[in-house]
């Protein structure tokens, strides 16, 4: 499928074609997800959980990074396919850097959680359901997991400040996010000491690829670097300090 002109995903061999150049993915295997699964003992064999294509054109020379993630449908112990989950690093004395996603094919649930000073205490938990064209912003201070809740492949892209680093430790120690998505719906993860009720929010509806808008209006995305600007925008009703 075409992501943008000159950039295609080829499902037959799971490669990205960038102006004719074949780009291979980094692989996340089930064995790397075992510590974040609801029922890790239900994982009977290893295999590929999802594909990650990092630092793609047309943003290779930019301060921002453009990535594509492909999540095939699967389940382990009734839990739907998902990413490992992570938090971001932070600029000095500010909440962690935000990130922005767009769905290109399939369906996604974005699970976003804000911890207190104690990683096992969650202050806010947001779920955003997104379909092709939809855009979701991960606000400053939130960790996130993406779930493929369907029987079709999920293809999504993200744009993030190039200096952002991902921290997986809290999700590994607590065996995933504060909620799992399973055949029974959303199920709380009892390893957390405090879990709020889920707050369901809507995505931003867009008709054009986000990365093309970034190329044409780069200054409009300065909040990806300047966390205080992202706080002021109040994405998903989130304002820093509230």
Protein backbone atom coordinates (compact mmCIF):
# COMPACT_ATOMS: atom_id res chain seq x y z
CA UNK A 1 0.00 0.00 0.00
CA UNK A 2 1.08 3.58 -0.61
CA UNK A 3 1.81 5.53 2.58
CA UNK A 4 2.73 8.72 0.72
CA UNK A 5 3.97 9.24 -2.86
CA UNK A 6 7.32 7.49 -3.14
CA UNK A 7 6.86 5.42 0.02
CA UNK A 8 5.06 2.07 -0.10
CA UNK A 9 4.62 -0.91 2.21
CA UNK A 10 4.93 -4.28 0.45
CA UNK A 11 3.02 -6.87 2.45
CA UNK A 12 4.33 -9.90 0.53
CA UNK A 13 7.77 -9.63 2.17
CA UNK A 14 7.15 -6.92 4.80
CA UNK A 15 9.41 -4.28 3.31
CA UNK A 16 9.14 -0.56 2.75
CA UNK A 17 9.96 0.75 -0.72
CA UNK A 18 11.32 4.30 -0.58
CA UNK A 19 11.67 5.61 -4.14
CA UNK A 20 12.58 2.09 -5.23
CA UNK A 21 14.99 1.39 -2.35
CA UNK A 22 14.06 -1.67 -0.26
CA UNK A 23 14.09 -1.01 3.48
CA UNK A 24 13.95 -3.87 5.98
CA UNK A 25 12.22 -3.72 9.32
CA UNK A 26 13.41 -4.10 12.86
CA UNK A 27 11.52 -7.02 14.38
CA UNK A 28 9.79 -7.27 17.74
CA UNK A 29 9.41 -10.93 18.65
CA UNK A 30 6.89 -12.54 20.99
CA UNK A 31 9.74 -13.49 23.32
CA UNK A 32 10.43 -9.76 23.78
CA UNK A 33 6.78 -9.16 24.70
CA UNK A 34 6.39 -12.04 27.11
CA UNK A 35 6.97 -9.85 30.18
CA UNK A 36 4.10 -7.51 29.23
CA UNK A 37 1.47 -10.11 28.33
CA UNK A 38 -1.52 -10.77 30.55
CA UNK A 39 -1.00 -14.52 30.31
CA UNK A 40 2.65 -15.09 29.35
CA UNK A 41 2.39 -18.82 29.98
CA UNK A 42 -0.07 -19.03 27.09
CA UNK A 43 2.74 -18.12 24.69
CA UNK A 44 3.62 -21.52 23.23
CA UNK A 45 6.17 -20.53 20.57
CA UNK A 46 8.21 -17.58 19.41
CA UNK A 47 7.58 -15.59 16.25
CA UNK A 48 7.23 -12.06 14.89
CA UNK A 49 4.82 -9.85 16.83
CA UNK A 50 5.26 -6.70 14.73
CA UNK A 51 7.53 -4.80 12.34
CA UNK A 52 9.15 -1.39 12.92
CA UNK A 53 10.60 0.81 10.16
CA UNK A 54 12.54 3.65 11.75
CA UNK A 55 13.82 7.00 10.46
CA UNK A 56 12.17 6.97 7.05
CA UNK A 57 12.17 9.55 4.29
CA UNK A 58 11.08 12.26 3.81
CA UNK A 59 12.22 13.34 7.31
CA UNK A 60 15.71 11.83 7.45
CA UNK A 61 17.33 15.27 7.43
CA UNK A 62 14.77 16.78 9.81
CA UNK A 63 14.82 17.40 13.57
CA UNK A 64 11.84 15.01 13.64
CA UNK A 65 11.80 11.29 12.92
CA UNK A 66 9.20 9.50 10.80
CA UNK A 67 8.50 5.81 11.53
CA UNK A 68 6.06 3.13 10.39
CA UNK A 69 4.89 0.20 12.51
CA UNK A 70 3.03 -2.82 11.14
CA UNK A 71 1.12 -5.02 13.60
CA UNK A 72 -0.41 -8.22 12.21
CA UNK A 73 -3.45 -9.68 14.01
CA UNK A 74 -2.71 -12.20 16.78
CA UNK A 75 -3.81 -13.17 20.25
CA UNK A 76 -2.07 -14.73 23.25
CA UNK A 77 -4.33 -16.06 25.99
CA UNK A 78 -7.25 -14.04 24.63
CA UNK A 79 -5.24 -10.78 24.62
CA UNK A 80 -5.11 -8.87 21.34
CA UNK A 81 -1.93 -7.91 19.48
CA UNK A 82 -0.12 -4.92 20.92
CA UNK A 83 3.16 -3.05 21.13
CA UNK A 84 5.41 -3.42 24.15
CA UNK A 85 4.63 0.00 25.62
CA UNK A 86 7.01 2.72 26.74
CA UNK A 87 7.49 6.16 28.25
CA UNK A 88 9.63 8.96 26.80
CA UNK A 89 12.47 10.97 28.21
CA UNK A 90 11.85 14.56 29.31
CA UNK A 91 13.38 17.98 28.77
CA UNK A 92 14.66 19.49 32.00
CA UNK A 93 11.93 20.18 34.56
CA UNK A 94 9.17 19.36 32.08
CA UNK A 95 6.91 16.35 31.37
CA UNK A 96 8.08 13.82 28.81
CA UNK A 97 8.08 14.54 25.09
CA UNK A 98 4.83 14.03 23.14
CA UNK A 99 4.38 11.97 19.98
CA UNK A 100 1.87 11.93 17.15
CA UNK A 101 0.41 8.89 15.34
CA UNK A 102 -1.68 8.30 12.24
CA UNK A 103 -3.44 5.11 11.18
CA UNK A 104 -3.05 4.16 7.50
CA UNK A 105 -4.73 0.76 7.44
CA UNK A 106 -6.70 -1.28 9.95
CA UNK A 107 -7.86 -0.19 13.38
CA UNK A 108 -6.03 0.81 16.54
CA UNK A 109 -6.69 1.37 20.21
CA UNK A 110 -4.16 3.79 21.69
CA UNK A 111 -3.80 3.18 25.44
CA UNK A 112 -2.31 6.22 27.18
CA UNK A 113 -1.48 6.37 30.87
CA UNK A 114 -0.15 9.05 33.21
CA UNK A 115 1.67 7.78 36.31
CA UNK A 116 2.15 9.57 39.59
CA UNK A 117 5.63 9.79 41.11
CA UNK A 118 5.11 6.06 41.73
CA UNK A 119 5.00 4.11 38.49
CA UNK A 120 2.36 1.68 39.82
CA UNK A 121 -0.11 4.51 40.53
CA UNK A 122 -1.92 5.74 37.43
CA UNK A 123 -3.60 9.14 37.57
CA UNK A 124 -5.27 9.12 34.15
CA UNK A 125 -5.93 6.40 31.58
CA UNK A 126 -7.15 7.29 28.08
CA UNK A 127 -8.26 5.03 25.22
CA UNK A 128 -8.51 6.45 21.70
CA UNK A 129 -9.98 4.33 18.90
CA UNK A 130 -8.53 5.25 15.52
CA UNK A 131 -9.16 4.18 11.93
CA UNK A 132 -7.48 5.11 8.61
CA UNK A 133 -6.72 8.82 8.43
CA UNK A 134 -7.20 9.38 12.15
CA UNK A 135 -4.48 11.12 14.15
CA UNK A 136 -3.73 10.64 17.85
CA UNK A 137 -1.40 12.74 19.98
CA UNK A 138 0.32 11.16 22.96
CA UNK A 139 0.36 14.11 25.42
CA UNK A 140 3.40 15.06 27.49
CA UNK A 141 3.84 12.85 30.54
CA UNK A 142 1.99 9.81 29.19
CA UNK A 143 3.22 6.29 28.44
CA UNK A 144 1.52 4.43 25.64
CA UNK A 145 0.67 1.06 24.13
CA UNK A 146 -0.96 0.46 20.74
CA UNK A 147 -3.41 -2.44 20.36
CA UNK A 148 -4.58 -4.04 17.11
CA UNK A 149 -8.11 -5.06 18.15
CA UNK A 150 -9.10 -6.52 14.79
CA UNK A 151 -8.47 -9.48 12.50
CA UNK A 152 -6.67 -7.35 9.90
CA UNK A 153 -3.18 -5.85 9.84
CA UNK A 154 -2.67 -2.44 11.45
CA UNK A 155 -0.33 -0.03 9.65
CA UNK A 156 0.44 3.24 11.41
CA UNK A 157 3.04 5.99 11.28
CA UNK A 158 4.42 8.30 13.91
CA UNK A 159 6.36 11.56 14.07
CA UNK A 160 8.50 12.32 17.10
CA UNK A 161 11.41 14.59 18.04
CA UNK A 162 14.61 12.90 16.96
CA UNK A 163 16.16 13.09 20.45
CA UNK A 164 13.30 11.19 22.11
CA UNK A 165 14.29 7.96 23.85
CA UNK A 166 11.95 5.15 24.89
CA UNK A 167 11.90 3.58 28.37
CA UNK A 168 10.26 0.16 28.66
CA UNK A 169 11.13 -0.64 32.28
CA UNK A 170 7.85 0.36 33.99
CA UNK A 171 5.79 -1.69 31.52
CA UNK A 172 8.11 -4.65 31.94
CA UNK A 173 8.04 -4.50 35.74
CA UNK A 174 4.24 -4.19 35.85
CA UNK A 175 3.60 -6.66 33.03
CA UNK A 176 2.05 -4.19 30.63
CA UNK A 177 -0.23 -1.18 30.82
CA UNK A 178 -2.86 -0.59 33.50
CA UNK A 179 -5.45 -2.27 31.27
CA UNK A 180 -5.27 -5.19 28.84
CA UNK A 181 -7.57 -5.49 25.84
CA UNK A 182 -8.91 -9.05 25.57
CA UNK A 183 -11.83 -11.08 24.24
CA UNK A 184 -13.65 -9.88 27.37
CA UNK A 185 -12.93 -6.20 26.64
CA UNK A 186 -10.72 -4.00 28.79
CA UNK A 187 -9.42 -5.85 31.85
CA UNK A 188 -7.51 -4.07 34.65
CA UNK A 189 -3.94 -5.07 35.41
CA UNK A 190 -3.95 -5.76 39.16
CA UNK A 191 -0.21 -5.25 39.44
CA UNK A 192 -0.94 -1.53 39.59
CA UNK A 193 -1.89 -0.20 43.01
CA UNK A 194 -4.23 2.45 41.63
CA UNK A 195 -6.08 2.44 38.29
CA UNK A 196 -8.65 5.09 37.32
CA UNK A 197 -11.66 4.43 35.16
CA UNK A 198 -10.96 4.57 31.44
CA UNK A 199 -11.50 7.92 29.77
CA UNK A 200 -12.50 7.40 26.12
CA UNK A 201 -11.50 10.20 23.75
CA UNK A 202 -11.82 10.78 19.99
CA UNK A 203 -8.95 11.08 17.49
CA UNK A 204 -8.29 13.98 15.15
CA UNK A 205 -9.80 13.32 11.73
CA UNK A 206 -7.51 14.08 8.79
CA UNK A 207 -7.82 13.36 5.09
CA UNK A 208 -4.16 13.82 4.13
CA UNK A 209 -1.03 12.03 5.34
CA UNK A 210 0.27 13.75 8.44
CA UNK A 211 3.88 13.68 7.29
CA UNK A 212 3.01 15.73 4.19
CA UNK A 213 1.37 18.37 6.38
CA UNK A 214 4.52 18.37 8.52
CA UNK A 215 6.66 19.03 5.44
CA UNK A 216 4.48 21.96 4.39
CA UNK A 217 3.87 23.40 7.86
CA UNK A 218 6.83 22.35 9.99
CA UNK A 219 6.53 25.32 12.35
CA UNK A 220 3.08 24.08 13.40
CA UNK A 221 4.75 21.04 14.99
CA UNK A 222 7.28 22.85 17.18
CA UNK A 223 5.34 21.49 20.20
CA UNK A 224 6.95 18.09 19.54
CA UNK A 225 10.17 19.67 20.84
CA UNK A 226 8.84 22.43 23.09
CA UNK A 227 6.89 20.42 25.64
CA UNK A 228 5.42 23.54 27.23
CA UNK A 229 3.67 24.33 23.92
CA UNK A 230 2.18 20.84 23.83
CA UNK A 231 0.94 21.35 27.39
CA UNK A 232 -0.79 24.59 26.41
CA UNK A 233 -2.59 22.92 23.50
CA UNK A 234 -4.39 20.53 25.83
CA UNK A 235 -4.41 17.48 23.57
CA UNK A 236 -7.07 14.97 24.70
CA UNK A 237 -7.98 17.35 27.49
CA UNK A 238 -4.54 17.08 29.06
CA UNK A 239 -2.81 20.18 30.44
CA UNK A 240 0.48 19.77 32.27
CA UNK A 241 0.05 19.94 36.01
CA UNK A 242 -3.58 18.79 35.86
